[in-house]
Amino acid sequence: MQKNSLLNNVKPYLTICISLILLLIIIADTYITNEIPSHWLPALWFSLLFAILIVIIQLGHTEKNTRSLGNQLNITKERLGNEIKHRLWAEKTASENKIKSQFIDENFPVMLAYFNTELRCRYHNRIFRRWFGLNPAQIDGHFLKEFSNEEFFSDIQNNIEKILTGKTIHNERVLKSTKGFPYIFTEQYLPHIDNKGKTIGFYTLHTPRAQEKSRTPSKNDKDENKIKLGLKQSVDISTNNDIKLQQSNPSPASKSGITAARIAQAIDGEEFNLYCQKIIPIKSSNSSSLHYEILIRMHEEENNLMPPGSFLPLVDQFQMMPKLDRWIINHIVQWLSAHPGANSVFHLNLARDTLKDLAFPNFIQDQLRKTKVTGSNLCFEIEVSDAEDNMTNTHIFTQKIHELGCLVSLCSFNDNPDSLNLQNKIKVDYLKIDGSIVCNILRDDEDLAKIKTIHQLAQKANVKTIAELVETDDIIAKLQEIGINYAQGFGIAKPHPFNDLGT
């Protein structure tokens, strides 16, 4: 084997060596020895020419092979470069997906889980395990019946045959937390079907009713209507917008624990915690004020028992949002009074019913006058949909608020004609761009164009823009390139307790 290898290494040079030897023999005979017979000389010259011809052919073949190898090397180099680019892109995409997956797992306000056909849990998010008050090890790989209560398990057990046939199940019902406080959920069971058409598992989604903008009627609508009727019968709103609780006989709703008194007790007993999320300027020309959006959570949420905001459906159905908004305003104004040197602007979400409360601006005026707090420290955020449905009340409210020196922001703003027309009808200081547009600007040219349109509109109206749901540095860079004024989201800062601002 070594001989064959040696022969292959020597072979390319053999013809050249023979040519040199023949040339040396001819030169030596012509000028030195002159002993070779004359009839041999033509044979030597022919052999020399033949050897030279073979060398030329070999050189041509070698050059061709070299060129071919060079082309293959360039192709390989280009392919390797593309593979490196694809790998970097894949790593970046995986990193972005990991961030989004973590965001969904930690903050998606829906109880989400995946089960196989044996009802063994294969995935769950944080909200799901918090509802049961368990850690991941107590749920991962366990059967549903092992960690859930009978109330939760029975509905899935009753529908499992339909789910495994590939049917999607929709349902609505009231589930009680571990403290016995009831919450209205929309349930969805979504089958997971493989490429052979066989159901290999299913997803469960339990969504708080307040999170939904619309829904389709379900088979439990009659029962729910009874609950709503009981809710409405248990509270009466007086002409001065103060809520008076009825002391009549318990309704079906109150028997299940859903009472106006319980909601009022939660507000008066301060069973809520304020959180805040930072909003940062991304244009150097912006003011130095610190901006925060104020969020509210119930104590049960902080004890990992329920999704954020899932108590709001009941507060809204009892028409107690103005009372809750007053509670929030009072706490923020008191904090500002205790921190006169704080250069902060607090963005406060305003409920639909609060917009209709004609006494609410007067309440704010009284709070500011008593505490001597500047109105510019408060920015009231109004949803575009709420403003569209209550144009008259919104116009009156924003006018009075601006007279007090407070600021106004339009939330969930996009480039549809209704939003654009709305901005011309009422005076606002900020446009908060819909997060569903913001999170797609790096991969969706249409959404990028929408944000540019909104920014141009805001510039003409001398209104500042805020982008929400900002998750990555790349999105921040793109927003800065467009000229957006402020950014908010998990890529900026996570919500933290409001009381931490004082430390």
Protein backbone atom coordinates (compact mmCIF):
# COMPACT_ATOMS: atom_id res chain seq x y z
CA MET A 1 0.00 0.00 0.00
CA GLN A 2 2.94 2.29 0.82
CA LYS A 3 4.52 1.37 -2.57
CA ASN A 4 1.36 2.36 -4.44
CA SER A 5 1.23 5.63 -2.49
CA LEU A 6 4.91 6.32 -3.30
CA LEU A 7 4.32 5.50 -6.98
CA ASN A 8 1.36 7.91 -7.15
CA ASN A 9 3.48 10.67 -5.60
CA VAL A 10 6.43 10.08 -8.02
CA LYS A 11 4.35 9.48 -11.17
CA PRO A 12 3.65 13.17 -12.03
CA TYR A 13 7.41 13.89 -12.02
CA LEU A 14 8.55 10.74 -13.89
CA THR A 15 7.97 12.12 -17.40
CA ILE A 16 9.80 15.33 -16.54
CA CYS A 17 12.76 13.35 -15.23
CA ILE A 18 12.86 11.22 -18.40
CA SER A 19 12.74 14.36 -20.55
CA LEU A 20 15.64 15.91 -18.63
CA ILE A 21 17.72 12.70 -18.88
CA LEU A 22 17.17 12.46 -22.67
CA LEU A 23 18.04 16.13 -23.06
CA LEU A 24 21.26 15.73 -21.07
CA ILE A 25 22.27 12.64 -23.13
CA ILE A 26 21.74 14.49 -26.43
CA ILE A 27 23.67 17.58 -25.23
CA ALA A 28 26.55 15.45 -23.88
CA ASP A 29 26.84 13.48 -27.11
CA THR A 30 26.72 16.58 -29.29
CA TYR A 31 29.30 18.67 -27.45
CA ILE A 32 31.40 16.18 -25.43
CA THR A 33 31.48 12.43 -26.18
CA ASN A 34 30.08 12.14 -29.70
CA GLU A 35 29.99 8.32 -29.17
CA ILE A 36 26.29 7.57 -29.77
CA PRO A 37 25.63 5.95 -33.19
CA SER A 38 24.01 8.37 -35.63
CA HIS A 39 20.99 6.16 -36.23
CA TRP A 40 20.11 6.40 -32.51
CA LEU A 41 19.93 10.20 -32.42
CA PRO A 42 16.55 10.48 -34.24
CA ALA A 43 15.13 7.95 -31.80
CA LEU A 44 16.43 10.01 -28.84
CA TRP A 45 15.01 13.24 -30.29
CA PHE A 46 11.65 11.58 -30.94
CA SER A 47 11.59 10.20 -27.38
CA LEU A 48 12.45 13.67 -26.04
CA LEU A 49 9.70 15.36 -28.04
CA PHE A 50 7.22 12.67 -27.00
CA ALA A 51 8.18 13.09 -23.33
CA ILE A 52 7.83 16.91 -23.61
CA LEU A 53 4.39 16.45 -25.22
CA ILE A 54 3.33 14.21 -22.34
CA VAL A 55 4.60 16.83 -19.85
CA ILE A 56 2.57 19.53 -21.62
CA ILE A 57 -0.54 17.32 -21.52
CA GLN A 58 0.03 16.64 -17.84
CA LEU A 59 0.45 20.37 -17.13
CA GLY A 60 -2.80 21.11 -18.99
CA HIS A 61 -4.62 18.39 -17.09
CA THR A 62 -3.17 19.64 -13.79
CA GLU A 63 -4.23 23.21 -14.57
CA LYS A 64 -7.74 21.99 -15.41
CA ASN A 65 -7.91 20.05 -12.14
CA THR A 66 -6.59 23.07 -10.24
CA ARG A 67 -9.23 25.30 -11.82
CA SER A 68 -11.92 22.75 -11.00
CA LEU A 69 -10.73 22.43 -7.41
CA GLY A 70 -10.63 26.25 -7.16
CA ASN A 71 -14.24 26.46 -8.36
CA GLN A 72 -15.28 23.74 -5.95
CA LEU A 73 -13.44 25.57 -3.16
CA ASN A 74 -15.26 28.83 -3.99
CA ILE A 75 -18.60 27.01 -4.07
CA THR A 76 -17.81 25.31 -0.77
CA LYS A 77 -16.69 28.64 0.70
CA GLU A 78 -19.91 30.32 -0.45
CA ARG A 79 -22.01 27.43 0.85
CA LEU A 80 -20.16 27.53 4.17
CA GLY A 81 -20.73 31.29 4.37
CA ASN A 82 -24.45 30.80 3.72
CA GLU A 83 -24.59 28.04 6.31
CA ILE A 84 -22.88 30.33 8.83
CA LYS A 85 -25.40 33.09 8.03
CA HIS A 86 -28.30 30.64 8.36
CA ARG A 87 -26.88 29.33 11.61
CA LEU A 88 -26.51 32.85 13.01
CA TRP A 89 -30.04 33.64 11.84
CA ALA A 90 -31.32 30.41 13.40
CA GLU A 91 -29.54 31.20 16.69
CA LYS A 92 -30.95 34.72 16.68
CA THR A 93 -34.43 33.44 15.85
CA ALA A 94 -34.15 30.77 18.55
CA SER A 95 -33.04 33.43 21.02
CA GLU A 96 -35.97 35.68 20.08
CA ASN A 97 -38.38 32.74 20.28
CA LYS A 98 -36.96 31.82 23.68
CA ILE A 99 -37.62 35.36 24.90
CA LYS A 100 -41.17 35.25 23.50
CA SER A 101 -41.74 31.77 24.90
CA GLN A 102 -40.56 32.96 28.30
CA PHE A 103 -42.75 36.04 27.99
CA ILE A 104 -45.78 33.86 27.19
CA ASP A 105 -44.97 31.40 29.95
CA GLU A 106 -44.54 34.11 32.59
CA ASN A 107 -47.08 36.70 31.57
CA PHE A 108 -49.70 35.23 29.25
CA PRO A 109 -52.92 35.96 31.21
CA VAL A 110 -54.44 32.59 30.30
CA MET A 111 -54.15 29.22 32.01
CA LEU A 112 -52.48 27.11 29.32
CA ALA A 113 -51.58 23.41 29.48
CA TYR A 114 -51.01 20.44 27.18
CA PHE A 115 -52.06 16.86 27.95
CA ASN A 116 -51.56 13.59 26.10
CA THR A 117 -54.40 11.16 25.48
CA GLU A 118 -53.85 9.61 28.94
CA LEU A 119 -54.48 13.03 30.58
CA ARG A 120 -50.83 13.27 31.61
CA CYS A 121 -49.55 16.88 31.64
CA ARG A 122 -46.70 17.56 29.21
CA TYR A 123 -46.63 21.37 29.35
CA HIS A 124 -48.11 24.15 31.46
CA ASN A 125 -47.44 27.84 31.93
CA ARG A 126 -46.87 29.71 35.15
CA ILE A 127 -50.46 30.94 35.48
CA PHE A 128 -51.70 27.35 35.25
CA ARG A 129 -49.57 26.07 38.14
CA ARG A 130 -50.23 29.19 40.20
CA TRP A 131 -53.96 28.55 40.05
CA PHE A 132 -53.37 25.21 41.79
CA GLY A 133 -50.60 26.59 44.04
CA LEU A 134 -48.13 23.91 42.90
CA ASN A 135 -44.54 23.89 41.67
CA PRO A 136 -43.58 22.50 38.21
CA ALA A 137 -42.39 19.16 39.61
CA GLN A 138 -45.84 18.51 41.05
CA ILE A 139 -47.48 18.93 37.61
CA ASP A 140 -44.96 17.87 34.93
CA GLY A 141 -45.63 14.30 33.83
CA HIS A 142 -48.46 13.82 36.34
CA PHE A 143 -52.03 12.81 35.57
CA LEU A 144 -54.57 15.63 35.69
CA LYS A 145 -56.55 13.92 38.44
CA GLU A 146 -53.45 13.75 40.66
CA PHE A 147 -53.03 17.52 41.04
CA SER A 148 -56.38 19.12 40.10
CA ASN A 149 -59.57 19.31 42.09
CA GLU A 150 -62.79 17.53 41.14
CA GLU A 151 -64.39 20.76 39.84
CA PHE A 152 -61.60 21.31 37.30
CA PHE A 153 -61.12 17.65 36.37
CA SER A 154 -64.78 16.73 35.84
CA ASP A 155 -65.39 19.03 32.87
CA ILE A 156 -62.38 17.68 30.97
CA GLN A 157 -63.34 14.11 31.85
CA ASN A 158 -66.86 14.68 30.52
CA ASN A 159 -65.56 16.03 27.21
CA ILE A 160 -62.51 13.81 26.67
CA GLU A 161 -64.25 11.50 24.17
CA LYS A 162 -65.28 14.43 21.98
CA ILE A 163 -61.79 15.96 22.22
CA LEU A 164 -60.09 12.72 21.16
CA THR A 165 -62.34 12.55 18.09
CA GLY A 166 -60.83 15.87 16.99
CA LYS A 167 -63.57 18.25 18.15
CA THR A 168 -62.76 21.64 19.65
CA ILE A 169 -64.80 22.27 22.80
CA HIS A 170 -65.86 25.75 23.99
CA ASN A 171 -67.43 26.30 27.37
CA GLU A 172 -67.94 28.93 30.06
CA ARG A 173 -68.19 28.46 33.80
CA VAL A 174 -67.26 29.89 37.19
CA LEU A 175 -64.18 28.45 38.91
CA LYS A 176 -63.26 29.24 42.50
CA SER A 177 -59.74 30.07 43.60
CA THR A 178 -58.20 28.36 46.61
CA LYS A 179 -59.60 31.19 48.76
CA GLY A 180 -63.08 30.54 47.42
CA PHE A 181 -63.27 33.72 45.32
CA PRO A 182 -65.12 32.94 42.03
CA TYR A 183 -63.91 33.94 38.53
CA ILE A 184 -65.71 33.58 35.21
CA PHE A 185 -63.59 31.67 32.67
CA THR A 186 -63.99 30.80 29.02
CA GLU A 187 -62.70 27.25 28.50
CA GLN A 188 -61.31 25.88 25.26
CA TYR A 189 -60.07 22.36 24.62
CA LEU A 190 -58.08 22.17 21.38
CA PRO A 191 -57.10 18.72 20.02
CA HIS A 192 -53.57 18.15 18.72
CA ILE A 193 -53.81 16.10 15.53
CA ASP A 194 -50.77 14.51 13.83
CA ASN A 195 -50.19 14.25 10.06
CA LYS A 196 -52.10 10.94 9.99
CA GLY A 197 -55.24 12.57 11.37
CA LYS A 198 -54.91 10.96 14.79
CA THR A 199 -55.43 12.96 18.00
CA ILE A 200 -52.27 12.61 20.11
CA GLY A 201 -53.10 15.18 22.78
CA PHE A 202 -54.95 18.40 23.48
CA TYR A 203 -54.46 21.92 24.82
CA THR A 204 -56.54 23.49 27.57
CA LEU A 205 -57.04 27.27 27.71
CA HIS A 206 -58.89 28.98 30.53
CA THR A 207 -59.33 32.67 29.74
CA PRO A 208 -60.67 35.30 32.16
CA ARG A 209 -63.72 36.91 30.58
CA ALA A 210 -62.24 40.40 30.89
CA GLN A 211 -59.48 39.45 28.47
CA GLU A 212 -61.88 38.80 25.60
CA LYS A 213 -63.17 41.49 23.25
CA SER A 214 -65.81 39.25 21.76
CA ARG A 215 -67.17 35.75 22.15
CA THR A 216 -69.68 33.36 20.69
CA PRO A 217 -72.66 32.05 22.67
CA SER A 218 -72.03 28.84 24.56
CA LYS A 219 -74.24 26.20 26.02
CA ASN A 220 -73.89 27.77 29.48
CA ASP A 221 -75.21 31.21 28.47
CA LYS A 222 -78.47 30.67 30.40
CA ASP A 223 -76.64 29.93 33.60
CA GLU A 224 -74.33 32.87 33.04
CA ASN A 225 -77.24 35.21 32.43
CA LYS A 226 -78.62 34.17 35.81
CA ILE A 227 -75.28 35.04 37.37
CA LYS A 228 -75.22 38.43 35.61
CA LEU A 229 -78.78 39.10 36.75
CA GLY A 230 -77.77 38.35 40.31
CA LEU A 231 -74.76 40.63 39.92
CA LYS A 232 -76.88 43.53 38.67
CA GLN A 233 -79.53 42.99 41.36
CA SER A 234 -76.97 43.14 44.12
CA VAL A 235 -75.82 46.72 43.46
CA ASP A 236 -77.48 50.07 42.86
CA ILE A 237 -75.69 53.20 41.67
CA SER A 238 -76.87 56.47 43.17
CA THR A 239 -77.11 59.79 41.36
CA ASN A 240 -73.89 61.08 42.86
CA ASN A 241 -72.04 57.95 41.58
CA ASP A 242 -71.42 56.57 45.07
CA ILE A 243 -72.25 52.89 45.35
CA LYS A 244 -74.79 51.77 47.91
CA LEU A 245 -74.92 48.11 48.74
CA GLN A 246 -78.27 46.41 49.09
CA GLN A 247 -79.04 44.34 52.16
CA SER A 248 -81.77 42.27 50.51
CA ASN A 249 -82.10 38.48 50.46
CA PRO A 250 -79.14 36.65 48.91
CA SER A 251 -79.39 36.11 45.18
CA PRO A 252 -78.05 33.02 43.40
CA ALA A 253 -74.89 34.97 42.71
CA SER A 254 -74.33 35.84 46.34
CA LYS A 255 -74.81 32.23 47.35
CA SER A 256 -71.81 31.32 45.20
CA GLY A 257 -69.73 34.10 46.79
CA ILE A 258 -70.14 36.71 44.02
CA THR A 259 -71.49 39.77 45.80
CA ALA A 260 -71.15 43.52 45.47
CA ALA A 261 -70.30 43.63 49.16
CA ARG A 262 -67.33 41.31 48.58
CA ILE A 263 -66.01 43.57 45.80
CA ALA A 264 -66.51 46.71 47.90
CA GLN A 265 -64.81 44.98 50.81
CA ALA A 266 -61.82 44.18 48.61
CA ILE A 267 -61.53 47.85 47.57
CA ASP A 268 -62.13 49.37 51.00
CA GLY A 269 -59.93 46.75 52.65
CA GLU A 270 -57.13 47.56 50.17
CA GLU A 271 -56.86 43.99 48.95
CA PHE A 272 -55.07 45.36 45.90
CA ASN A 273 -51.43 46.08 45.16
CA LEU A 274 -50.21 48.74 42.77
CA TYR A 275 -47.45 47.87 40.33
CA CYS A 276 -45.66 50.09 37.85
CA GLN A 277 -43.77 49.51 34.60
CA LYS A 278 -41.17 51.95 33.36
CA ILE A 279 -41.59 53.86 30.09
CA ILE A 280 -38.25 55.14 28.78
CA PRO A 281 -37.48 57.91 26.28
CA ILE A 282 -35.64 56.70 23.18
CA LYS A 283 -35.13 60.16 21.69
CA SER A 284 -32.49 62.40 23.24
CA SER A 285 -34.73 65.45 22.80
CA ASN A 286 -37.37 64.09 25.21
CA SER A 287 -37.82 65.50 28.72
CA SER A 288 -36.01 64.08 31.73
CA SER A 289 -39.24 63.08 33.51
CA LEU A 290 -39.56 59.46 34.63
CA HIS A 291 -42.64 57.80 33.14
CA TYR A 292 -44.44 54.77 34.63
CA GLU A 293 -47.63 52.94 33.76
CA ILE A 294 -49.65 52.01 36.84
CA LEU A 295 -50.97 48.44 37.01
CA ILE A 296 -53.22 46.88 39.65
CA ARG A 297 -53.30 43.38 41.05
CA MET A 298 -55.30 41.70 43.75
CA HIS A 299 -53.57 40.05 46.72
CA GLU A 300 -54.65 36.64 45.46
CA GLU A 301 -52.63 37.27 42.29
CA GLU A 302 -49.53 37.98 44.33
CA ASN A 303 -50.13 34.71 46.17
CA ASN A 304 -49.93 32.94 42.79
CA LEU A 305 -53.59 31.98 42.76
CA MET A 306 -54.96 33.68 39.63
CA PRO A 307 -53.97 35.40 36.38
CA PRO A 308 -53.28 39.16 36.47
CA GLY A 309 -56.44 41.19 35.98
CA SER A 310 -58.85 38.27 36.22
CA PHE A 311 -60.70 39.98 39.10
CA LEU A 312 -61.63 42.88 36.80
CA PRO A 313 -64.61 41.17 35.10
CA LEU A 314 -66.50 41.16 38.39
CA VAL A 315 -65.51 44.73 39.24
CA ASP A 316 -66.67 45.83 35.81
CA GLN A 317 -69.94 43.86 35.96
CA PHE A 318 -70.74 45.47 39.30
CA GLN A 319 -70.00 48.86 37.70
CA MET A 320 -67.45 49.54 40.42
CA MET A 321 -64.55 50.57 38.17
CA PRO A 322 -65.04 54.28 39.02
CA LYS A 323 -64.70 53.39 42.70
CA LEU A 324 -61.55 51.36 42.01
CA ASP A 325 -60.12 54.16 39.82
CA ARG A 326 -60.71 56.63 42.65
CA TRP A 327 -58.78 54.31 44.98
CA ILE A 328 -55.86 54.24 42.54
CA ILE A 329 -55.86 58.03 42.01
CA ASN A 330 -55.90 58.63 45.75
CA HIS A 331 -52.85 56.38 46.29
CA ILE A 332 -50.85 57.94 43.45
CA VAL A 333 -51.61 61.52 44.50
CA GLN A 334 -50.74 60.74 48.14
CA TRP A 335 -47.40 59.29 46.99
CA LEU A 336 -46.66 62.38 44.90
CA SER A 337 -47.53 64.58 47.87
CA ALA A 338 -45.09 62.63 50.05
CA HIS A 339 -42.38 62.89 47.35
CA PRO A 340 -42.52 66.50 46.17
CA GLY A 341 -39.14 66.25 44.47
CA ALA A 342 -40.15 63.28 42.31
CA ASN A 343 -39.99 64.19 38.63
CA SER A 344 -42.42 61.44 37.62
CA VAL A 345 -45.37 61.08 35.27
CA PHE A 346 -47.76 58.23 36.11
CA HIS A 347 -49.87 56.79 33.30
CA LEU A 348 -53.23 55.62 34.67
CA ASN A 349 -55.59 53.35 32.75
CA LEU A 350 -59.11 54.75 32.75
CA ALA A 351 -62.12 52.40 32.68
CA ARG A 352 -65.07 52.82 30.31
CA ASP A 353 -67.51 53.53 33.16
CA THR A 354 -65.17 56.12 34.64
CA LEU A 355 -65.33 58.10 31.40
CA LYS A 356 -69.09 58.37 31.91
CA ASP A 357 -68.66 59.50 35.54
CA LEU A 358 -69.18 63.27 35.32
CA ALA A 359 -68.05 63.70 38.93
CA PHE A 360 -64.67 62.04 38.35
CA PRO A 361 -62.83 65.19 37.06
CA ASN A 362 -64.07 67.06 40.15
CA PHE A 363 -62.69 64.26 42.33
CA ILE A 364 -59.30 64.65 40.65
CA GLN A 365 -59.43 68.43 41.09
CA ASP A 366 -60.14 68.04 44.82
CA GLN A 367 -57.28 65.58 45.23
CA LEU A 368 -54.80 67.87 43.47
CA ARG A 369 -55.95 70.93 45.42
CA LYS A 370 -55.73 69.20 48.82
CA THR A 371 -52.27 67.74 48.21
CA LYS A 372 -50.92 70.61 46.04
CA VAL A 373 -49.73 68.06 43.48
CA THR A 374 -49.14 69.27 39.91
CA GLY A 375 -51.61 67.89 37.36
CA SER A 376 -48.82 67.24 34.84
CA ASN A 377 -47.70 64.31 37.01
CA LEU A 378 -50.81 62.40 35.92
CA CYS A 379 -51.49 61.02 32.44
CA PHE A 380 -54.83 59.30 31.87
CA GLU A 381 -54.79 56.47 29.32
CA ILE A 382 -58.01 55.94 27.33
CA GLU A 383 -58.55 52.95 25.09
CA VAL A 384 -59.36 53.85 21.48
CA SER A 385 -62.41 51.55 21.53
CA ASP A 386 -63.76 53.21 24.70
CA ALA A 387 -63.27 56.67 23.25
CA GLU A 388 -65.03 55.70 20.01
CA ASP A 389 -68.04 54.33 21.91
CA ASN A 390 -68.25 57.37 24.23
CA MET A 391 -67.19 60.32 22.06
CA THR A 392 -69.22 62.94 23.93
CA ASN A 393 -68.10 61.81 27.39
CA THR A 394 -64.50 61.42 26.22
CA HIS A 395 -64.46 64.94 24.78
CA ILE A 396 -65.87 66.42 28.00
CA PHE A 397 -63.48 64.40 30.18
CA THR A 398 -60.31 65.29 28.21
CA GLN A 399 -61.29 68.95 28.15
CA LYS A 400 -61.72 69.10 31.93
CA ILE A 401 -58.57 67.05 32.53
CA HIS A 402 -56.46 69.38 30.41
CA GLU A 403 -57.86 72.35 32.35
CA LEU A 404 -56.37 70.75 35.47
CA GLY A 405 -52.99 70.43 33.75
CA CYS A 406 -53.19 66.64 33.46
CA LEU A 407 -52.15 64.70 30.35
CA VAL A 408 -54.10 62.32 28.11
CA SER A 409 -52.92 59.29 26.14
CA LEU A 410 -54.82 57.26 23.53
CA CYS A 411 -54.00 53.55 23.93
CA SER A 412 -54.05 50.66 21.43
CA PHE A 413 -53.65 53.19 18.63
CA ASN A 414 -53.26 51.87 15.07
CA ASP A 415 -53.55 53.29 11.57
CA ASN A 416 -57.18 52.35 10.87
CA PRO A 417 -59.43 55.23 9.78
CA ASP A 418 -61.41 55.26 13.06
CA SER A 419 -58.26 55.75 15.14
CA LEU A 420 -56.94 58.44 12.79
CA ASN A 421 -60.23 60.34 12.88
CA LEU A 422 -60.41 60.02 16.65
CA GLN A 423 -57.06 61.71 17.09
CA ASN A 424 -58.41 64.76 15.22
CA LYS A 425 -61.54 64.99 17.40
CA ILE A 426 -60.00 65.04 20.88
CA LYS A 427 -56.86 66.68 22.21
CA VAL A 428 -54.26 64.17 23.41
CA ASP A 429 -50.63 64.38 24.51
CA TYR A 430 -49.53 60.82 23.72
CA LEU A 431 -50.40 58.09 21.24
CA LYS A 432 -49.60 54.62 22.59
CA ILE A 433 -49.08 52.38 19.57
CA ASP A 434 -50.79 48.99 19.63
CA GLY A 435 -48.30 46.35 20.81
CA SER A 436 -49.47 43.83 18.21
CA ILE A 437 -47.97 46.13 15.57
CA VAL A 438 -44.78 46.94 17.48
CA CYS A 439 -43.67 43.35 18.10
CA ASN A 440 -43.74 42.55 14.35
CA ILE A 441 -41.86 45.50 12.85
CA LEU A 442 -38.63 43.55 12.25
CA ARG A 443 -40.31 40.92 10.09
CA ASP A 444 -43.46 42.56 8.75
CA ASP A 445 -43.02 45.49 6.35
CA GLU A 446 -46.72 46.32 6.57
CA ASP A 447 -46.60 46.78 10.36
CA LEU A 448 -43.40 48.81 10.00
CA ALA A 449 -45.18 51.10 7.52
CA LYS A 450 -48.10 51.47 9.96
CA ILE A 451 -45.79 52.69 12.72
CA LYS A 452 -44.12 55.17 10.37
CA THR A 453 -47.57 56.49 9.38
CA ILE A 454 -48.60 56.89 13.03
CA HIS A 455 -45.34 58.67 13.84
CA GLN A 456 -45.75 61.09 10.94
CA LEU A 457 -49.33 61.81 12.04
CA ALA A 458 -48.18 62.42 15.63
CA GLN A 459 -45.40 64.74 14.49
CA LYS A 460 -47.84 66.90 12.53
CA ALA A 461 -50.15 67.10 15.56
CA ASN A 462 -47.23 67.76 17.97
CA VAL A 463 -48.11 64.58 19.90
CA LYS A 464 -45.54 62.21 21.41
CA THR A 465 -45.59 58.48 20.63
CA ILE A 466 -45.16 55.48 22.94
CA ALA A 467 -44.48 51.97 21.62
CA GLU A 468 -45.67 49.16 23.90
CA LEU A 469 -44.69 45.46 24.04
CA VAL A 470 -41.07 46.26 23.19
CA GLU A 471 -39.13 43.04 23.76
CA THR A 472 -35.65 43.28 22.19
CA ASP A 473 -32.79 45.74 21.61
CA ASP A 474 -33.26 45.36 17.85
CA ILE A 475 -36.83 46.63 18.13
CA ILE A 476 -35.64 49.56 20.25
CA ALA A 477 -33.03 50.42 17.59
CA LYS A 478 -35.66 50.31 14.83
CA LEU A 479 -38.07 52.50 16.84
CA GLN A 480 -35.25 54.97 17.47
CA GLU A 481 -34.52 55.01 13.74
CA ILE A 482 -38.18 55.82 13.01
CA GLY A 483 -38.21 58.54 15.65
CA ILE A 484 -40.66 57.10 18.21
CA ASN A 485 -40.44 59.06 21.47
CA TYR A 486 -40.95 56.42 24.19
CA ALA A 487 -40.82 52.64 24.61
CA GLN A 488 -42.41 50.26 27.12
CA GLY A 489 -42.24 46.49 27.49
CA PHE A 490 -40.31 43.57 28.92
CA GLY A 491 -37.32 44.55 26.78
CA ILE A 492 -37.25 47.79 28.81
CA ALA A 493 -38.33 46.78 32.31
CA LYS A 494 -40.69 44.34 34.00
CA PRO A 495 -43.49 45.55 36.29
CA HIS A 496 -42.44 45.92 39.92
CA PRO A 497 -44.24 46.93 43.13
CA PHE A 498 -45.15 50.61 43.19
CA ASN A 499 -43.91 50.93 46.77
CA ASP A 500 -40.37 50.18 45.55
CA LEU A 501 -40.26 53.65 43.96
CA GLY A 502 -39.95 55.19 47.39
CA THR A 503 -36.83 53.20 48.27
